[in-house]
Amino acid sequence: MHRIEVSLKSDQPDARGAGLVKDIHDLGIRTVTDVRVVDIYWFDVDMTGDLDLIGRKLLADPITQQYSIFSGETVSASTKIRQVEVAYNAGVADPVEETVMKAIRELGVSGVRT
């Protein structure tokens, strides 16, 4: 399995992250001061070159976003950073997945499974 992480470039404000900080503060948790949202896409594909094409042409806006490709799991070694990954349960419709898979086929990439 491979994953593509898409995030805003460091000089871009993260409006979704700021909204989450406000929501967390509304829950009474004041220790969280910053949140950066990263969209994660999991793929099962043999060719990593196809992943670069998918990240560059489909998933990331080159003006405001950056993408990284990883094989397997990655865990931050920092004690100051916490990662929370949110995903759909198996069997639940994922409209983003359907749209991404359709666009991948239109790019001419085959043999990709999410």
N, C-alpha and C. Protein backbone atom coordinates (compact mmCIF):
# COMPACT_ATOMS: atom_id res chain seq x y z
N MET A 1 0.84 -1.18 0.00
CA MET A 1 0.00 0.00 0.00
C MET A 1 0.88 1.25 0.00
N HIS A 2 0.43 2.23 -0.70
CA HIS A 2 1.10 3.53 -0.77
C HIS A 2 0.09 4.60 -0.36
N ARG A 3 0.61 5.71 0.08
CA ARG A 3 -0.28 6.82 0.41
C ARG A 3 0.28 8.12 -0.15
N ILE A 4 -0.64 8.97 -0.53
CA ILE A 4 -0.28 10.32 -0.96
C ILE A 4 -0.89 11.27 0.06
N GLU A 5 -0.05 12.11 0.64
CA GLU A 5 -0.51 13.12 1.58
C GLU A 5 -0.49 14.47 0.87
N VAL A 6 -1.62 15.16 0.91
CA VAL A 6 -1.74 16.48 0.28
C VAL A 6 -1.99 17.49 1.40
N SER A 7 -1.14 18.52 1.46
CA SER A 7 -1.28 19.54 2.49
C SER A 7 -1.03 20.92 1.88
N LEU A 8 -1.47 21.92 2.60
CA LEU A 8 -1.18 23.28 2.18
C LEU A 8 0.30 23.56 2.34
N LYS A 9 0.84 24.39 1.47
CA LYS A 9 2.23 24.84 1.63
C LYS A 9 2.33 25.62 2.93
N SER A 10 3.51 25.64 3.53
CA SER A 10 3.68 26.23 4.86
C SER A 10 3.34 27.71 4.93
N ASP A 11 3.39 28.41 3.80
CA ASP A 11 3.07 29.85 3.82
C ASP A 11 1.58 30.11 3.62
N GLN A 12 0.78 29.06 3.49
CA GLN A 12 -0.66 29.20 3.27
C GLN A 12 -1.41 29.04 4.59
N PRO A 13 -2.39 29.92 4.87
CA PRO A 13 -3.20 29.74 6.09
C PRO A 13 -4.11 28.52 5.93
N ASP A 14 -4.31 27.79 7.01
CA ASP A 14 -5.13 26.59 6.98
C ASP A 14 -6.48 26.89 7.63
N ALA A 15 -7.47 27.26 6.84
CA ALA A 15 -8.79 27.62 7.36
C ALA A 15 -9.48 26.41 7.99
N ARG A 16 -9.33 25.23 7.38
CA ARG A 16 -9.94 24.04 7.99
C ARG A 16 -9.31 23.75 9.35
N GLY A 17 -7.99 23.90 9.44
CA GLY A 17 -7.30 23.69 10.71
C GLY A 17 -7.74 24.69 11.78
N ALA A 18 -7.88 25.95 11.39
CA ALA A 18 -8.33 26.98 12.34
C ALA A 18 -9.74 26.68 12.84
N GLY A 19 -10.59 26.19 11.95
CA GLY A 19 -11.94 25.81 12.35
C GLY A 19 -11.93 24.66 13.35
N LEU A 20 -11.03 23.70 13.14
CA LEU A 20 -10.92 22.59 14.07
C LEU A 20 -10.40 23.04 15.43
N VAL A 21 -9.45 23.98 15.45
CA VAL A 21 -8.96 24.52 16.73
C VAL A 21 -10.12 25.14 17.50
N LYS A 22 -10.96 25.90 16.81
CA LYS A 22 -12.13 26.52 17.46
C LYS A 22 -13.06 25.44 18.01
N ASP A 23 -13.33 24.41 17.22
CA ASP A 23 -14.20 23.32 17.68
C ASP A 23 -13.61 22.62 18.90
N ILE A 24 -12.30 22.41 18.90
CA ILE A 24 -11.64 21.76 20.03
C ILE A 24 -11.73 22.65 21.27
N HIS A 25 -11.55 23.95 21.11
CA HIS A 25 -11.67 24.87 22.24
C HIS A 25 -13.10 24.88 22.76
N ASP A 26 -14.09 24.77 21.87
CA ASP A 26 -15.50 24.71 22.29
C ASP A 26 -15.77 23.49 23.17
N LEU A 27 -14.96 22.45 23.01
CA LEU A 27 -15.09 21.26 23.85
C LEU A 27 -14.39 21.43 25.20
N GLY A 28 -13.73 22.58 25.40
CA GLY A 28 -13.05 22.85 26.66
C GLY A 28 -11.59 22.44 26.68
N ILE A 29 -11.07 22.02 25.55
CA ILE A 29 -9.66 21.61 25.46
C ILE A 29 -8.87 22.82 24.97
N ARG A 30 -8.07 23.38 25.84
CA ARG A 30 -7.35 24.62 25.51
C ARG A 30 -5.88 24.40 25.16
N THR A 31 -5.39 23.18 25.29
CA THR A 31 -3.97 22.93 25.04
C THR A 31 -3.63 22.85 23.56
N VAL A 32 -4.64 22.67 22.71
CA VAL A 32 -4.40 22.62 21.27
C VAL A 32 -4.37 24.05 20.73
N THR A 33 -3.26 24.41 20.10
CA THR A 33 -3.11 25.78 19.61
C THR A 33 -3.03 25.88 18.09
N ASP A 34 -2.74 24.76 17.42
CA ASP A 34 -2.61 24.80 15.97
C ASP A 34 -2.98 23.44 15.40
N VAL A 35 -3.69 23.46 14.28
CA VAL A 35 -4.03 22.23 13.56
C VAL A 35 -3.75 22.47 12.09
N ARG A 36 -3.07 21.52 11.47
CA ARG A 36 -2.85 21.53 10.02
C ARG A 36 -3.54 20.30 9.46
N VAL A 37 -4.41 20.51 8.47
CA VAL A 37 -5.16 19.41 7.87
C VAL A 37 -4.36 18.84 6.70
N VAL A 38 -4.26 17.53 6.65
CA VAL A 38 -3.59 16.82 5.57
C VAL A 38 -4.59 15.80 5.03
N ASP A 39 -4.84 15.85 3.74
CA ASP A 39 -5.71 14.86 3.11
C ASP A 39 -4.85 13.67 2.72
N ILE A 40 -5.31 12.47 3.09
CA ILE A 40 -4.55 11.25 2.85
C ILE A 40 -5.33 10.36 1.89
N TYR A 41 -4.63 9.89 0.88
CA TYR A 41 -5.21 8.98 -0.12
C TYR A 41 -4.40 7.70 -0.12
N TRP A 42 -5.04 6.57 0.13
CA TRP A 42 -4.37 5.26 0.13
C TRP A 42 -4.58 4.59 -1.21
N PHE A 43 -3.50 4.04 -1.78
CA PHE A 43 -3.57 3.38 -3.08
C PHE A 43 -2.82 2.06 -3.03
N ASP A 44 -3.34 1.09 -3.75
CA ASP A 44 -2.67 -0.18 -3.97
C ASP A 44 -2.31 -0.21 -5.45
N VAL A 45 -1.04 0.04 -5.77
CA VAL A 45 -0.59 0.13 -7.16
C VAL A 45 0.87 -0.32 -7.22
N ASP A 46 1.24 -0.93 -8.32
CA ASP A 46 2.61 -1.42 -8.47
C ASP A 46 3.59 -0.34 -8.91
N MET A 47 3.15 0.62 -9.70
CA MET A 47 4.04 1.63 -10.27
C MET A 47 4.01 2.92 -9.46
N THR A 48 5.11 3.26 -8.78
CA THR A 48 5.15 4.50 -8.01
C THR A 48 5.16 5.72 -8.92
N GLY A 49 5.60 5.57 -10.17
CA GLY A 49 5.54 6.68 -11.12
C GLY A 49 4.12 7.14 -11.37
N ASP A 50 3.19 6.19 -11.36
CA ASP A 50 1.78 6.54 -11.50
C ASP A 50 1.31 7.37 -10.31
N LEU A 51 1.84 7.09 -9.13
CA LEU A 51 1.47 7.87 -7.95
C LEU A 51 1.91 9.31 -8.09
N ASP A 52 3.10 9.54 -8.64
CA ASP A 52 3.57 10.91 -8.85
C ASP A 52 2.64 11.64 -9.82
N LEU A 53 2.24 10.97 -10.89
CA LEU A 53 1.32 11.57 -11.86
C LEU A 53 -0.01 11.91 -11.19
N ILE A 54 -0.53 11.00 -10.37
CA ILE A 54 -1.80 11.23 -9.67
C ILE A 54 -1.68 12.41 -8.71
N GLY A 55 -0.60 12.46 -7.95
CA GLY A 55 -0.41 13.57 -7.01
C GLY A 55 -0.25 14.90 -7.71
N ARG A 56 0.55 14.91 -8.78
CA ARG A 56 0.88 16.15 -9.49
C ARG A 56 -0.30 16.66 -10.32
N LYS A 57 -0.96 15.77 -11.05
CA LYS A 57 -1.99 16.21 -12.00
C LYS A 57 -3.40 16.22 -11.43
N LEU A 58 -3.62 15.47 -10.35
CA LEU A 58 -4.99 15.28 -9.89
C LEU A 58 -5.26 15.77 -8.47
N LEU A 59 -4.41 15.43 -7.53
CA LEU A 59 -4.75 15.66 -6.13
C LEU A 59 -4.30 17.00 -5.55
N ALA A 60 -3.16 17.52 -5.99
CA ALA A 60 -2.62 18.74 -5.38
C ALA A 60 -2.70 19.93 -6.33
N ASP A 61 -3.10 21.06 -5.79
CA ASP A 61 -3.07 22.33 -6.52
C ASP A 61 -1.63 22.86 -6.41
N PRO A 62 -0.91 22.98 -7.51
CA PRO A 62 0.51 23.34 -7.43
C PRO A 62 0.77 24.75 -6.87
N ILE A 63 -0.23 25.60 -6.86
CA ILE A 63 -0.05 26.96 -6.33
C ILE A 63 -0.09 26.97 -4.80
N THR A 64 -1.03 26.24 -4.20
CA THR A 64 -1.24 26.33 -2.75
C THR A 64 -0.91 25.06 -1.99
N GLN A 65 -0.73 23.94 -2.70
CA GLN A 65 -0.55 22.67 -2.00
C GLN A 65 0.73 21.95 -2.41
N GLN A 66 1.11 21.01 -1.57
CA GLN A 66 2.23 20.12 -1.84
C GLN A 66 1.76 18.70 -1.55
N TYR A 67 2.44 17.74 -2.16
CA TYR A 67 2.09 16.35 -1.90
C TYR A 67 3.35 15.55 -1.65
N SER A 68 3.18 14.48 -0.89
CA SER A 68 4.27 13.56 -0.60
C SER A 68 3.75 12.15 -0.78
N ILE A 69 4.61 11.26 -1.25
CA ILE A 69 4.26 9.86 -1.47
C ILE A 69 5.03 9.01 -0.46
N PHE A 70 4.31 8.11 0.21
CA PHE A 70 4.91 7.23 1.21
C PHE A 70 4.52 5.78 0.91
N SER A 71 5.41 4.87 1.22
CA SER A 71 5.10 3.45 1.16
C SER A 71 4.97 2.94 2.58
N GLY A 72 3.84 2.36 2.90
CA GLY A 72 3.60 1.85 4.25
C GLY A 72 3.23 2.95 5.21
N GLU A 73 3.33 2.66 6.49
CA GLU A 73 2.94 3.58 7.55
C GLU A 73 4.09 4.54 7.87
N THR A 74 3.77 5.76 8.24
CA THR A 74 4.76 6.70 8.74
C THR A 74 4.24 7.28 10.05
N VAL A 75 5.09 7.41 11.02
CA VAL A 75 4.69 7.92 12.32
C VAL A 75 5.66 9.02 12.71
N SER A 76 5.14 10.13 13.19
CA SER A 76 5.98 11.24 13.62
C SER A 76 6.71 10.87 14.90
N ALA A 77 7.99 11.19 14.95
CA ALA A 77 8.79 10.90 16.15
C ALA A 77 8.67 12.03 17.17
N SER A 78 8.09 13.15 16.79
CA SER A 78 7.99 14.30 17.69
C SER A 78 6.91 14.06 18.74
N THR A 79 7.20 14.45 19.98
CA THR A 79 6.20 14.33 21.04
C THR A 79 5.26 15.52 21.04
N LYS A 80 5.57 16.56 20.28
CA LYS A 80 4.72 17.75 20.24
C LYS A 80 3.67 17.66 19.14
N ILE A 81 3.82 16.70 18.25
CA ILE A 81 2.88 16.57 17.13
C ILE A 81 2.05 15.32 17.34
N ARG A 82 0.75 15.45 17.23
CA ARG A 82 -0.16 14.32 17.30
C ARG A 82 -0.87 14.20 15.97
N GLN A 83 -1.03 12.99 15.49
CA GLN A 83 -1.73 12.75 14.24
C GLN A 83 -3.03 12.03 14.53
N VAL A 84 -4.10 12.49 13.90
CA VAL A 84 -5.40 11.83 14.00
C VAL A 84 -5.85 11.56 12.58
N GLU A 85 -6.05 10.29 12.27
CA GLU A 85 -6.48 9.91 10.93
C GLU A 85 -7.95 9.51 11.00
N VAL A 86 -8.77 10.14 10.17
CA VAL A 86 -10.20 9.87 10.13
C VAL A 86 -10.52 9.24 8.79
N ALA A 87 -11.24 8.12 8.82
CA ALA A 87 -11.56 7.41 7.58
C ALA A 87 -12.99 6.89 7.64
N TYR A 88 -13.54 6.60 6.47
CA TYR A 88 -14.85 5.97 6.41
C TYR A 88 -14.75 4.53 6.88
N ASN A 89 -15.84 4.01 7.45
CA ASN A 89 -15.91 2.59 7.78
C ASN A 89 -16.09 1.79 6.51
N ALA A 90 -15.64 0.55 6.53
CA ALA A 90 -15.82 -0.34 5.38
C ALA A 90 -17.31 -0.45 5.06
N GLY A 91 -17.62 -0.36 3.79
CA GLY A 91 -19.01 -0.48 3.36
C GLY A 91 -19.75 0.84 3.28
N VAL A 92 -19.16 1.91 3.81
CA VAL A 92 -19.79 3.23 3.75
C VAL A 92 -19.37 3.91 2.45
N ALA A 93 -20.33 4.47 1.73
CA ALA A 93 -20.02 5.13 0.45
C ALA A 93 -19.07 6.30 0.68
N ASP A 94 -18.07 6.41 -0.17
CA ASP A 94 -17.08 7.48 -0.10
C ASP A 94 -17.10 8.21 -1.44
N PRO A 95 -17.83 9.34 -1.54
CA PRO A 95 -17.92 10.04 -2.82
C PRO A 95 -16.59 10.58 -3.31
N VAL A 96 -15.68 10.93 -2.42
CA VAL A 96 -14.36 11.41 -2.84
C VAL A 96 -13.61 10.28 -3.53
N GLU A 97 -13.67 9.08 -2.97
CA GLU A 97 -13.00 7.93 -3.58
C GLU A 97 -13.54 7.69 -4.98
N GLU A 98 -14.85 7.72 -5.14
CA GLU A 98 -15.46 7.48 -6.45
C GLU A 98 -14.98 8.51 -7.47
N THR A 99 -14.94 9.76 -7.07
CA THR A 99 -14.51 10.84 -7.97
C THR A 99 -13.03 10.69 -8.33
N VAL A 100 -12.19 10.39 -7.34
CA VAL A 100 -10.75 10.23 -7.59
C VAL A 100 -10.50 9.05 -8.52
N MET A 101 -11.17 7.94 -8.29
CA MET A 101 -10.98 6.77 -9.15
C MET A 101 -11.42 7.05 -10.58
N LYS A 102 -12.50 7.77 -10.76
CA LYS A 102 -12.95 8.15 -12.11
C LYS A 102 -11.89 9.02 -12.79
N ALA A 103 -11.35 10.00 -12.07
CA ALA A 103 -10.34 10.90 -12.63
C ALA A 103 -9.04 10.14 -12.94
N ILE A 104 -8.68 9.16 -12.11
CA ILE A 104 -7.48 8.36 -12.38
C ILE A 104 -7.64 7.60 -13.69
N ARG A 105 -8.80 7.03 -13.90
CA ARG A 105 -9.04 6.32 -15.16
C ARG A 105 -8.95 7.29 -16.33
N GLU A 106 -9.47 8.51 -16.17
CA GLU A 106 -9.39 9.51 -17.24
C GLU A 106 -7.96 9.95 -17.51
N LEU A 107 -7.06 9.84 -16.52
CA LEU A 107 -5.64 10.12 -16.72
C LEU A 107 -4.95 9.01 -17.51
N GLY A 108 -5.63 7.87 -17.65
CA GLY A 108 -5.06 6.74 -18.37
C GLY A 108 -4.27 5.79 -17.48
N VAL A 109 -4.42 5.92 -16.18
CA VAL A 109 -3.72 5.04 -15.25
C VAL A 109 -4.64 3.87 -14.92
N SER A 110 -4.10 2.66 -15.06
CA SER A 110 -4.91 1.48 -14.76
C SER A 110 -4.25 0.66 -13.67
N GLY A 111 -4.99 -0.27 -13.11
CA GLY A 111 -4.45 -1.15 -12.09
C GLY A 111 -4.34 -0.52 -10.71
N VAL A 112 -5.09 0.57 -10.46
CA VAL A 112 -5.06 1.25 -9.17
C VAL A 112 -6.28 0.83 -8.37
N ARG A 113 -6.04 0.49 -7.11
CA ARG A 113 -7.13 0.20 -6.18
C ARG A 113 -6.94 1.08 -4.96
N THR A 114 -8.05 1.51 -4.37
CA THR A 114 -7.97 2.31 -3.15
C THR A 114 -8.32 1.47 -1.95
